[in-house]
Protein backbone atom coordinates (compact mmCIF):
# COMPACT_ATOMS: atom_id res chain seq x y z
CA UNK A 1 -65.12 13.93 -34.11
CA UNK A 2 -62.17 14.20 -31.71
CA UNK A 3 -60.81 17.68 -31.12
CA UNK A 4 -57.30 18.66 -30.10
CA UNK A 5 -56.45 22.01 -28.53
CA UNK A 6 -52.80 23.14 -28.44
CA UNK A 7 -52.08 25.67 -25.68
CA UNK A 8 -49.20 28.02 -24.92
CA UNK A 9 -48.96 31.38 -23.21
CA UNK A 10 -49.54 34.07 -25.84
CA UNK A 11 -50.86 31.86 -28.67
CA UNK A 12 -48.46 33.65 -30.99
CA UNK A 13 -45.66 31.11 -31.51
CA UNK A 14 -45.65 27.60 -30.01
CA UNK A 15 -49.31 26.60 -30.02
CA UNK A 16 -50.26 28.11 -33.40
CA UNK A 17 -47.21 26.52 -35.02
CA UNK A 18 -47.99 23.14 -33.41
CA UNK A 19 -51.66 23.40 -34.33
CA UNK A 20 -51.07 24.34 -37.95
CA UNK A 21 -48.37 21.72 -38.44
CA UNK A 22 -50.47 19.03 -36.78
CA UNK A 23 -53.51 19.98 -38.87
CA UNK A 24 -51.42 19.59 -42.02
CA UNK A 25 -50.26 16.18 -40.82
CA UNK A 26 -53.88 15.20 -40.16
CA UNK A 27 -54.66 15.99 -43.81
CA UNK A 28 -51.49 14.29 -45.05
CA UNK A 29 -52.37 11.11 -43.13
CA UNK A 30 -55.98 11.18 -44.38
CA UNK A 31 -57.46 11.79 -40.93
CA UNK A 32 -58.93 15.18 -41.87
CA UNK A 33 -62.51 13.90 -41.87
CA UNK A 34 -62.09 12.82 -38.25
CA UNK A 35 -60.31 15.59 -36.33
CA UNK A 36 -60.62 19.23 -35.34
CA UNK A 37 -57.43 21.05 -34.38
CA UNK A 38 -57.16 24.49 -32.75
CA UNK A 39 -54.92 26.58 -30.50
CA UNK A 40 -55.28 29.14 -27.73
CA UNK A 41 -53.23 31.02 -25.15
CA UNK A 42 -53.44 31.19 -21.38
CA UNK A 43 -52.37 34.81 -21.17
CA UNK A 44 -52.88 36.77 -24.35
CA UNK A 45 -54.86 39.54 -25.96
CA UNK A 46 -57.28 38.11 -28.50
CA UNK A 47 -56.70 39.02 -32.13
CA UNK A 48 -52.93 39.44 -32.03
CA UNK A 49 -50.99 38.09 -35.05
CA UNK A 50 -48.43 35.33 -34.83
CA UNK A 51 -44.95 36.61 -34.01
CA UNK A 52 -42.93 37.62 -37.07
CA UNK A 53 -40.32 34.95 -36.32
CA UNK A 54 -43.06 32.32 -36.08
CA UNK A 55 -44.43 33.37 -39.46
CA UNK A 56 -40.96 33.19 -41.05
CA UNK A 57 -40.18 29.81 -39.49
CA UNK A 58 -43.58 28.46 -40.54
CA UNK A 59 -42.93 29.61 -44.11
CA UNK A 60 -39.70 27.59 -44.10
CA UNK A 61 -41.91 24.54 -43.54
CA UNK A 62 -44.50 25.55 -46.16
CA UNK A 63 -46.98 26.68 -43.50
CA UNK A 64 -48.82 30.00 -43.52
CA UNK A 65 -49.30 31.58 -40.10
CA UNK A 66 -49.90 35.05 -41.53
CA UNK A 67 -53.66 34.76 -40.97
CA UNK A 68 -53.39 33.52 -37.39
CA UNK A 69 -55.05 35.59 -34.65
CA UNK A 70 -54.46 34.79 -30.99
CA UNK A 71 -57.30 33.41 -28.89
CA UNK A 72 -57.57 33.61 -25.11
CA UNK A 73 -58.45 30.23 -23.68
CA UNK A 74 -61.79 29.93 -21.93
CA UNK A 75 -63.99 27.31 -20.33
CA UNK A 76 -66.02 26.73 -23.47
CA UNK A 77 -62.91 25.92 -25.54
CA UNK A 78 -61.69 23.57 -22.83
CA UNK A 79 -65.06 21.85 -22.50
CA UNK A 80 -65.16 21.20 -26.25
CA UNK A 81 -61.62 19.80 -26.50
CA UNK A 82 -61.14 16.06 -26.18
CA UNK A 83 -57.37 16.42 -25.85
CA UNK A 84 -55.56 19.49 -24.51
CA UNK A 85 -51.84 19.63 -25.29
CA UNK A 86 -49.89 22.26 -23.39
CA UNK A 87 -46.34 23.45 -23.89
CA UNK A 88 -45.21 23.67 -20.29
CA UNK A 89 -46.08 22.42 -16.83
CA UNK A 90 -47.21 25.89 -15.73
CA UNK A 91 -49.98 25.77 -18.34
CA UNK A 92 -51.05 22.33 -17.20
CA UNK A 93 -51.01 23.27 -13.54
CA UNK A 94 -52.94 26.51 -13.91
CA UNK A 95 -55.56 25.12 -16.30
CA UNK A 96 -56.25 21.95 -14.31
CA UNK A 97 -56.40 23.99 -11.10
CA UNK A 98 -58.97 26.40 -12.54
CA UNK A 99 -60.84 23.70 -14.50
CA UNK A 100 -60.38 20.40 -12.59
CA UNK A 101 -62.63 18.46 -14.97
CA UNK A 102 -60.06 18.76 -17.78
CA UNK A 103 -57.29 17.03 -15.81
CA UNK A 104 -57.75 13.61 -17.50
CA UNK A 105 -57.58 15.26 -20.94
CA UNK A 106 -54.63 17.60 -20.39
CA UNK A 107 -51.06 16.60 -21.21
CA UNK A 108 -47.74 18.21 -21.89
CA UNK A 109 -47.06 17.77 -25.60
CA UNK A 110 -43.98 15.71 -24.74
CA UNK A 111 -45.97 13.57 -22.31
CA UNK A 112 -48.67 12.84 -24.92
CA UNK A 113 -46.15 11.29 -27.29
CA UNK A 114 -44.56 9.09 -24.64
CA UNK A 115 -41.41 11.17 -24.22
CA UNK A 116 -40.17 12.38 -20.84
CA UNK A 117 -42.46 15.11 -19.49
CA UNK A 118 -40.49 18.23 -20.27
CA UNK A 119 -41.45 21.81 -21.00
CA UNK A 120 -41.06 23.31 -24.44
CA UNK A 121 -39.30 26.60 -23.86
CA UNK A 122 -40.95 29.87 -24.78
CA UNK A 123 -38.53 31.69 -27.11
CA UNK A 124 -39.89 35.04 -25.95
CA UNK A 125 -39.44 34.59 -22.21
CA UNK A 126 -36.27 32.46 -22.25
CA UNK A 127 -33.02 32.49 -24.15
CA UNK A 128 -34.17 29.53 -26.27
CA UNK A 129 -33.71 29.99 -30.00
CA UNK A 130 -37.00 30.39 -31.85
CA UNK A 131 -35.83 28.11 -34.64
CA UNK A 132 -34.70 25.47 -32.12
CA UNK A 133 -38.08 25.60 -30.35
CA UNK A 134 -39.92 25.29 -33.66
CA UNK A 135 -37.80 22.34 -34.74
CA UNK A 136 -38.41 20.66 -31.38
CA UNK A 137 -42.19 21.05 -31.74
CA UNK A 138 -42.22 19.71 -35.30
CA UNK A 139 -39.98 16.79 -34.39
CA UNK A 140 -42.20 15.84 -31.43
CA UNK A 141 -45.27 15.92 -33.67
CA UNK A 142 -43.53 13.92 -36.41
CA UNK A 143 -42.38 11.24 -33.99
CA UNK A 144 -45.57 11.16 -31.94
CA UNK A 145 -48.29 11.81 -34.51
CA UNK A 146 -49.93 8.40 -34.17
CA UNK A 147 -49.75 8.50 -30.37
CA UNK A 148 -51.51 11.89 -30.34
CA UNK A 149 -54.19 10.60 -32.73
CA UNK A 150 -54.74 7.49 -30.61
CA UNK A 151 -54.87 9.48 -27.38
CA UNK A 152 -57.36 11.97 -28.87
CA UNK A 153 -59.61 9.11 -30.00
CA UNK A 154 -59.42 7.48 -26.57
CA UNK A 155 -60.27 10.71 -24.77
CA UNK A 156 -63.14 11.40 -27.18
CA UNK A 157 -64.59 7.94 -26.52
CA UNK A 158 -64.20 8.35 -22.75
CA UNK A 159 -66.13 11.63 -22.92
CA UNK A 160 -68.92 10.03 -24.96
CA UNK A 161 -69.26 7.26 -22.37
CA UNK A 162 -69.26 9.76 -19.49
CA UNK A 163 -71.96 11.89 -21.10
CA UNK A 164 -74.29 8.99 -21.87
């Protein structure tokens, strides 16, 4: 069963929103028997709730982030993920530097869907509008859903071959 891990910094806005939205799309497309979807942060305190703005924006899209608790990324999570989708190049660089074995499975979200490799701004460390960032994430997932699914399946198969 392929697994997808969405990663941002605090795991309180971008990655939980992307993860929850993608998980709903997996169910909507009938792929829910085949995929695991999760999120984590590179620099967070575990157990923190999603940001209030993230919860409100999620509600506008019929998603419930009120139960979300942040998770700090670790080697075990990374080793279990077939596809790791990060929000910015800093995440990709730091994770692949610390865990070189994940390099072939780690992509910027934009890169995974075949769009130009660009960062998705953090609305809490930049002047980017939270609603604009959320809309960008949802649009990328909508347009690239099948590419993400295909990539996750490919990476899962590659890992099975490597481990046999």
